[in-house]
Amino acid sequence: TEKEIAILASWIDRGAKGPDGAAPDPTKLVTPKIAVRGKLRQPIYAVAITPQGNRMATAMFRQVDVLATGDGARQHQLASERGNINNLSFDSSGDLLVAAGGEPGLVGEAQLWDLRTGKLVRSYLGHRDSLYAARLSPDGKLLATAGYDQKIKLWETESGKEDRKSTRLNS
């Protein structure tokens, strides 16, 4: 309407300043929340089993369930803030779990979880798209991540610092 155009023109004439306050986190997709009316299906995107065979993890949208393989009892439900979790891997002890995923086109994230406590040890951000693989080195000192951005990165697990990266997977 003419009234709405006048409001926009006035805003532009005053310098078109944006809202005050902290800028939103560009690695988090901000979309309206729409309530689901029916039963929500939660597809599983990845599964991993410990080397000992006593635990299984299943990855879904923003969630990982850790179950006992014997009776299927849930041991932990781990939450992620970013998109689908596309890959899971356990360390050799079965006490640490890496979950890899992210928001397509925004950021890839790997999360390292301690299953003795159910707590997040560290989050590794640095890819520019979703992750599709993540694995700890046998000694647990390095984490390798690979994503849709066609990059492979190595991270120091303790400090969270990026150690090395490839330029492209196909070069």
C-alpha atoms as a PDB file:
ATOM      1  CA  THR A   1       0.000   0.000   0.000  1.00  0.00           C
ATOM      2  CA  GLU A   2       1.021   3.620  -0.275  1.00  0.00           C
ATOM      3  CA  LYS A   3       1.195   3.819   3.524  1.00  0.00           C
ATOM      4  CA  GLU A   4       3.623   0.836   3.666  1.00  0.00           C
ATOM      5  CA  ILE A   5       5.758   2.347   0.903  1.00  0.00           C
ATOM      6  CA  ALA A   6       5.926   5.620   2.866  1.00  0.00           C
ATOM      7  CA  ILE A   7       7.108   3.722   5.972  1.00  0.00           C
ATOM      8  CA  LEU A   8       9.872   1.988   3.973  1.00  0.00           C
ATOM      9  CA  ALA A   9      10.896   5.264   2.277  1.00  0.00           C
ATOM     10  CA  SER A  10      11.109   6.974   5.680  1.00  0.00           C
ATOM     11  CA  TRP A  11      13.261   4.137   7.043  1.00  0.00           C
ATOM     12  CA  ILE A  12      15.617   4.362   4.039  1.00  0.00           C
ATOM     13  CA  ASP A  13      15.815   8.169   4.319  1.00  0.00           C
ATOM     14  CA  ARG A  14      16.869   7.819   7.990  1.00  0.00           C
ATOM     15  CA  GLY A  15      19.788   5.550   6.982  1.00  0.00           C
ATOM     16  CA  ALA A  16      18.056   2.147   6.940  1.00  0.00           C
ATOM     17  CA  LYS A  17      19.485   1.133  10.298  1.00  0.00           C
ATOM     18  CA  GLY A  18      18.913  -2.443  11.398  1.00  0.00           C
ATOM     19  CA  PRO A  19      17.766  -3.625  14.800  1.00  0.00           C
ATOM     20  CA  ASP A  20      19.856  -2.896  17.886  1.00  0.00           C
ATOM     21  CA  GLY A  21      21.569  -5.583  19.911  1.00  0.00           C
ATOM     22  CA  ALA A  22      23.783  -8.532  19.140  1.00  0.00           C
ATOM     23  CA  ALA A  23      23.723  -9.947  15.640  1.00  0.00           C
ATOM     24  CA  PRO A  24      22.237 -13.430  15.276  1.00  0.00           C
ATOM     25  CA  ASP A  25      24.585 -16.406  15.136  1.00  0.00           C
ATOM     26  CA  PRO A  26      25.108 -17.011  11.390  1.00  0.00           C
ATOM     27  CA  THR A  27      25.754 -20.730  12.023  1.00  0.00           C
ATOM     28  CA  LYS A  28      22.219 -21.324  13.312  1.00  0.00           C
ATOM     29  CA  LEU A  29      19.285 -21.519  10.968  1.00  0.00           C
ATOM     30  CA  VAL A  30      16.503 -19.290  12.267  1.00  0.00           C
ATOM     31  CA  THR A  31      13.133 -20.412  10.977  1.00  0.00           C
ATOM     32  CA  PRO A  32       9.610 -20.158  12.337  1.00  0.00           C
ATOM     33  CA  LYS A  33       8.584 -22.973  14.650  1.00  0.00           C
ATOM     34  CA  ILE A  34       5.419 -24.651  13.399  1.00  0.00           C
ATOM     35  CA  ALA A  35       3.601 -26.981  15.770  1.00  0.00           C
ATOM     36  CA  VAL A  36       3.147 -30.511  14.453  1.00  0.00           C
ATOM     37  CA  ARG A  37      -0.461 -31.702  14.477  1.00  0.00           C
ATOM     38  CA  GLY A  38       0.119 -35.425  14.138  1.00  0.00           C
ATOM     39  CA  LYS A  39       2.658 -37.968  15.235  1.00  0.00           C
ATOM     40  CA  LEU A  40       6.145 -36.921  14.128  1.00  0.00           C
ATOM     41  CA  ARG A  41       8.262 -39.515  12.338  1.00  0.00           C
ATOM     42  CA  GLN A  42      11.912 -39.328  13.296  1.00  0.00           C
ATOM     43  CA  PRO A  43      13.985 -41.001  10.540  1.00  0.00           C
ATOM     44  CA  ILE A  44      17.348 -42.481  11.512  1.00  0.00           C
ATOM     45  CA  TYR A  45      20.298 -41.094   9.517  1.00  0.00           C
ATOM     46  CA  ALA A  46      23.167 -43.084  11.040  1.00  0.00           C
ATOM     47  CA  VAL A  47      23.854 -45.985  13.384  1.00  0.00           C
ATOM     48  CA  ALA A  48      27.051 -47.001  15.209  1.00  0.00           C
ATOM     49  CA  ILE A  49      27.907 -49.855  17.567  1.00  0.00           C
ATOM     50  CA  THR A  50      30.766 -49.830  20.076  1.00  0.00           C
ATOM     51  CA  PRO A  51      33.744 -52.137  19.404  1.00  0.00           C
ATOM     52  CA  GLN A  52      32.651 -54.104  22.485  1.00  0.00           C
ATOM     53  CA  GLY A  53      29.124 -54.503  21.092  1.00  0.00           C
ATOM     54  CA  ASN A  54      27.455 -53.303  24.307  1.00  0.00           C
ATOM     55  CA  ARG A  55      26.094 -49.945  23.061  1.00  0.00           C
ATOM     56  CA  MET A  56      24.406 -48.655  19.941  1.00  0.00           C
ATOM     57  CA  ALA A  57      23.831 -45.049  18.908  1.00  0.00           C
ATOM     58  CA  THR A  58      21.174 -43.855  16.466  1.00  0.00           C
ATOM     59  CA  ALA A  59      21.268 -40.405  14.853  1.00  0.00           C
ATOM     60  CA  MET A  60      18.224 -38.336  13.984  1.00  0.00           C
ATOM     61  CA  PHE A  61      17.388 -34.682  13.436  1.00  0.00           C
ATOM     62  CA  ARG A  62      19.136 -32.798  16.260  1.00  0.00           C
ATOM     63  CA  GLN A  63      19.241 -35.899  18.472  1.00  0.00           C
ATOM     64  CA  VAL A  64      21.259 -39.034  19.221  1.00  0.00           C
ATOM     65  CA  ASP A  65      19.921 -41.913  21.281  1.00  0.00           C
ATOM     66  CA  VAL A  66      22.463 -44.194  22.972  1.00  0.00           C
ATOM     67  CA  LEU A  67      21.000 -47.604  23.761  1.00  0.00           C
ATOM     68  CA  ALA A  68      22.170 -50.778  25.478  1.00  0.00           C
ATOM     69  CA  THR A  69      22.331 -53.490  22.820  1.00  0.00           C
ATOM     70  CA  GLY A  70      21.164 -56.236  25.198  1.00  0.00           C
ATOM     71  CA  ASP A  71      17.780 -54.871  26.268  1.00  0.00           C
ATOM     72  CA  GLY A  72      17.511 -51.693  24.156  1.00  0.00           C
ATOM     73  CA  ALA A  73      17.315 -49.477  27.252  1.00  0.00           C
ATOM     74  CA  ARG A  74      18.104 -45.831  26.529  1.00  0.00           C
ATOM     75  CA  GLN A  75      21.300 -44.772  28.322  1.00  0.00           C
ATOM     76  CA  HIS A  76      21.502 -41.222  26.965  1.00  0.00           C
ATOM     77  CA  GLN A  77      19.609 -38.855  24.714  1.00  0.00           C
ATOM     78  CA  LEU A  78      22.060 -36.311  23.322  1.00  0.00           C
ATOM     79  CA  ALA A  79      20.854 -33.047  21.777  1.00  0.00           C
ATOM     80  CA  SER A  80      22.336 -30.977  18.981  1.00  0.00           C
ATOM     81  CA  GLU A  81      21.325 -27.456  17.961  1.00  0.00           C
ATOM     82  CA  ARG A  82      22.160 -27.901  14.292  1.00  0.00           C
ATOM     83  CA  GLY A  83      20.269 -29.966  11.709  1.00  0.00           C
ATOM     84  CA  ASN A  84      20.616 -33.624  10.821  1.00  0.00           C
ATOM     85  CA  ILE A  85      23.246 -35.794  12.401  1.00  0.00           C
ATOM     86  CA  ASN A  86      24.647 -37.714   9.438  1.00  0.00           C
ATOM     87  CA  ASN A  87      27.418 -39.822  10.962  1.00  0.00           C
ATOM     88  CA  LEU A  88      28.321 -41.444  14.287  1.00  0.00           C
ATOM     89  CA  SER A  89      31.516 -43.127  15.466  1.00  0.00           C
ATOM     90  CA  PHE A  90      32.745 -44.499  18.788  1.00  0.00           C
ATOM     91  CA  ASP A  91      36.315 -44.460  20.059  1.00  0.00           C
ATOM     92  CA  SER A  92      38.038 -47.779  20.794  1.00  0.00           C
ATOM     93  CA  SER A  93      36.854 -47.783  24.431  1.00  0.00           C
ATOM     94  CA  GLY A  94      33.209 -47.167  23.537  1.00  0.00           C
ATOM     95  CA  ASP A  95      33.121 -44.316  26.063  1.00  0.00           C
ATOM     96  CA  LEU A  96      33.412 -41.448  23.564  1.00  0.00           C
ATOM     97  CA  LEU A  97      31.013 -40.795  20.700  1.00  0.00           C
ATOM     98  CA  VAL A  98      31.458 -38.397  17.794  1.00  0.00           C
ATOM     99  CA  ALA A  99      28.320 -37.074  16.089  1.00  0.00           C
ATOM    100  CA  ALA A 100      28.715 -35.216  12.778  1.00  0.00           C
ATOM    101  CA  GLY A 101      26.124 -33.077  11.027  1.00  0.00           C
ATOM    102  CA  GLY A 102      25.183 -29.450  10.660  1.00  0.00           C
ATOM    103  CA  GLU A 103      23.013 -27.039   8.716  1.00  0.00           C
ATOM    104  CA  PRO A 104      23.269 -27.426   4.932  1.00  0.00           C
ATOM    105  CA  GLY A 105      24.913 -24.411   3.320  1.00  0.00           C
ATOM    106  CA  LEU A 106      25.704 -22.812   6.695  1.00  0.00           C
ATOM    107  CA  VAL A 107      27.997 -24.860   8.920  1.00  0.00           C
ATOM    108  CA  GLY A 108      29.235 -28.338   9.688  1.00  0.00           C
ATOM    109  CA  GLU A 109      29.619 -29.442  13.285  1.00  0.00           C
ATOM    110  CA  ALA A 110      31.151 -32.434  15.015  1.00  0.00           C
ATOM    111  CA  GLN A 111      30.352 -33.037  18.664  1.00  0.00           C
ATOM    112  CA  LEU A 112      32.429 -35.194  20.996  1.00  0.00           C
ATOM    113  CA  TRP A 113      30.381 -36.766  23.807  1.00  0.00           C
ATOM    114  CA  ASP A 114      31.579 -38.552  26.948  1.00  0.00           C
ATOM    115  CA  LEU A 115      29.133 -41.409  27.494  1.00  0.00           C
ATOM    116  CA  ARG A 116      30.343 -42.036  31.050  1.00  0.00           C
ATOM    117  CA  THR A 117      28.705 -38.728  32.006  1.00  0.00           C
ATOM    118  CA  GLY A 118      26.431 -37.994  29.022  1.00  0.00           C
ATOM    119  CA  LYS A 119      28.093 -34.581  28.701  1.00  0.00           C
ATOM    120  CA  LEU A 120      29.332 -32.756  25.624  1.00  0.00           C
ATOM    121  CA  VAL A 121      33.147 -32.611  25.714  1.00  0.00           C
ATOM    122  CA  ARG A 122      33.642 -30.235  22.787  1.00  0.00           C
ATOM    123  CA  SER A 123      32.064 -28.983  19.597  1.00  0.00           C
ATOM    124  CA  TYR A 124      34.149 -28.542  16.424  1.00  0.00           C
ATOM    125  CA  LEU A 125      32.928 -25.880  13.969  1.00  0.00           C
ATOM    126  CA  GLY A 126      34.743 -24.851  10.813  1.00  0.00           C
ATOM    127  CA  HIS A 127      33.220 -26.437   7.729  1.00  0.00           C
ATOM    128  CA  ARG A 128      30.953 -24.338   5.525  1.00  0.00           C
ATOM    129  CA  ASP A 129      28.385 -27.096   4.999  1.00  0.00           C
ATOM    130  CA  SER A 130      27.056 -30.244   6.683  1.00  0.00           C
ATOM    131  CA  LEU A 131      29.457 -32.949   7.786  1.00  0.00           C
ATOM    132  CA  TYR A 132      29.067 -36.488   6.516  1.00  0.00           C
ATOM    133  CA  ALA A 133      31.937 -38.201   8.336  1.00  0.00           C
ATOM    134  CA  ALA A 134      33.941 -37.813  11.547  1.00  0.00           C
ATOM    135  CA  ARG A 135      36.360 -40.208  13.227  1.00  0.00           C
ATOM    136  CA  LEU A 136      38.794 -40.065  16.130  1.00  0.00           C
ATOM    137  CA  SER A 137      42.383 -41.233  15.652  1.00  0.00           C
ATOM    138  CA  PRO A 138      43.287 -44.475  17.500  1.00  0.00           C
ATOM    139  CA  ASP A 139      45.065 -42.473  20.238  1.00  0.00           C
ATOM    140  CA  GLY A 140      42.152 -39.995  20.501  1.00  0.00           C
ATOM    141  CA  LYS A 141      44.378 -36.951  19.956  1.00  0.00           C
ATOM    142  CA  LEU A 142      43.015 -36.021  16.518  1.00  0.00           C
ATOM    143  CA  LEU A 143      39.551 -35.837  15.010  1.00  0.00           C
ATOM    144  CA  ALA A 144      39.078 -36.037  11.233  1.00  0.00           C
ATOM    145  CA  THR A 145      35.966 -34.441   9.715  1.00  0.00           C
ATOM    146  CA  ALA A 146      34.695 -34.407   6.129  1.00  0.00           C
ATOM    147  CA  GLY A 147      31.775 -32.506   4.719  1.00  0.00           C
ATOM    148  CA  TYR A 148      29.725 -31.481   1.760  1.00  0.00           C
ATOM    149  CA  ASP A 149      32.077 -28.494   1.352  1.00  0.00           C
ATOM    150  CA  GLN A 150      34.574 -31.043  -0.072  1.00  0.00           C
ATOM    151  CA  LYS A 151      37.077 -30.435   2.705  1.00  0.00           C
ATOM    152  CA  ILE A 152      38.746 -32.776   5.169  1.00  0.00           C
ATOM    153  CA  LYS A 153      39.935 -31.212   8.413  1.00  0.00           C
ATOM    154  CA  LEU A 154      41.999 -32.542  11.293  1.00  0.00           C
ATOM    155  CA  TRP A 155      41.352 -31.132  14.756  1.00  0.00           C
ATOM    156  CA  GLU A 156      43.311 -31.401  17.998  1.00  0.00           C
ATOM    157  CA  THR A 157      40.671 -32.993  20.219  1.00  0.00           C
ATOM    158  CA  GLU A 158      41.865 -31.493  23.490  1.00  0.00           C
ATOM    159  CA  SER A 159      42.235 -27.858  22.366  1.00  0.00           C
ATOM    160  CA  GLY A 160      39.609 -27.883  19.604  1.00  0.00           C
ATOM    161  CA  LYS A 161      42.040 -26.151  17.261  1.00  0.00           C
ATOM    162  CA  GLU A 162      42.110 -26.986  13.594  1.00  0.00           C
ATOM    163  CA  ASP A 163      45.362 -28.820  12.891  1.00  0.00           C
ATOM    164  CA  ARG A 164      45.266 -29.271   9.112  1.00  0.00           C
ATOM    165  CA  LYS A 165      42.850 -29.249   6.207  1.00  0.00           C
ATOM    166  CA  SER A 166      42.767 -30.389   2.609  1.00  0.00           C
ATOM    167  CA  THR A 167      41.977 -27.948  -0.152  1.00  0.00           C
ATOM    168  CA  ARG A 168      39.486 -30.214  -1.960  1.00  0.00           C
ATOM    169  CA  LEU A 169      38.628 -33.878  -1.829  1.00  0.00           C
ATOM    170  CA  ASN A 170      38.764 -34.280  -5.599  1.00  0.00           C
ATOM    171  CA  SER A 171      41.978 -32.384  -6.342  1.00  0.00           C
END
